[in-house]
Protein backbone atom coordinates (compact mmCIF):
# COMPACT_ATOMS: atom_id res chain seq x y z
CA MET A 1 107.07 48.93 56.98
CA THR A 2 107.02 48.98 60.73
CA ILE A 3 104.99 46.75 63.00
CA ALA A 4 102.62 49.67 63.65
CA GLU A 5 101.94 49.94 59.92
CA ALA A 6 101.17 46.21 59.55
CA THR A 7 97.48 46.50 60.40
CA GLY A 8 94.64 46.25 57.91
CA SER A 9 93.27 43.63 55.54
CA GLU A 10 94.92 41.70 52.75
CA THR A 11 93.35 39.20 50.37
CA VAL A 12 95.43 36.14 49.47
CA THR A 13 94.56 33.92 46.51
CA PHE A 14 95.24 30.19 46.81
CA THR A 15 95.27 27.94 43.73
CA LEU A 16 94.90 24.21 44.38
CA THR A 17 95.80 21.70 41.65
CA ASP A 18 95.42 17.93 41.85
CA SER A 19 97.40 15.21 40.06
CA ASN A 20 94.93 15.30 37.11
CA ASN A 21 95.64 19.01 36.63
CA ASN A 22 92.19 20.04 37.90
CA ALA A 23 92.45 23.39 39.65
CA ILE A 24 90.35 25.60 41.86
CA THR A 25 91.10 29.07 43.13
CA LEU A 26 90.06 30.30 46.56
CA ASP A 27 90.47 33.70 48.18
CA ALA A 28 90.98 34.33 51.88
CA THR A 29 91.04 37.72 53.54
CA PHE A 30 93.35 38.16 56.52
CA THR A 31 92.65 41.08 58.83
CA ILE A 32 95.30 42.25 61.29
CA VAL A 33 94.20 44.48 64.17
CA ASP A 34 96.15 45.98 67.02
CA THR A 35 94.06 46.18 70.18
CA THR A 36 96.89 45.78 72.70
CA ASP A 37 98.14 48.87 74.51
CA PRO A 38 101.91 49.35 74.49
CA THR A 39 103.92 48.48 77.61
CA MET A 40 107.23 49.74 78.92
CA ASP A 41 109.68 47.12 80.23
CA VAL A 42 112.24 49.61 81.58
CA ALA A 43 111.43 52.60 83.75
CA ALA A 44 112.10 55.96 82.13
CA SER A 45 115.04 57.91 83.51
CA ASP A 46 117.05 61.00 82.62
CA SER A 47 120.32 60.49 80.73
CA THR A 48 123.21 62.65 79.58
CA VAL A 49 124.65 61.83 76.17
CA GLU A 50 128.09 62.91 74.97
CA CYS A 51 128.06 64.50 71.53
CA ASP A 52 131.29 63.14 70.00
CA GLY A 53 130.76 64.56 66.52
CA THR A 54 130.48 61.19 64.80
CA SER A 55 127.75 60.65 62.27
CA ASP A 56 128.47 56.93 61.93
CA PRO A 57 125.18 55.15 62.75
CA SER A 58 127.01 51.82 63.08
CA GLN A 59 128.58 53.05 66.33
CA PRO A 60 126.51 52.08 69.38
CA LEU A 61 124.85 54.87 71.33
CA GLN A 62 126.54 55.25 74.72
CA LEU A 63 124.11 56.35 77.41
CA GLY A 64 125.53 57.72 80.63
């Protein structure tokens, strides 16, 4: 799941038990909304990338 997919509602059940073993169960619904527009911290610019033939994703991408 990505951050963008983490919106919506989810119900969580809490069970509370005291020292005499008396218990109650309570539900709470948490709603996550995304109302903040995205921002860009770095200005977009053109780049040239060398295609070295490697398919190893552990190698860092070298931007020129």
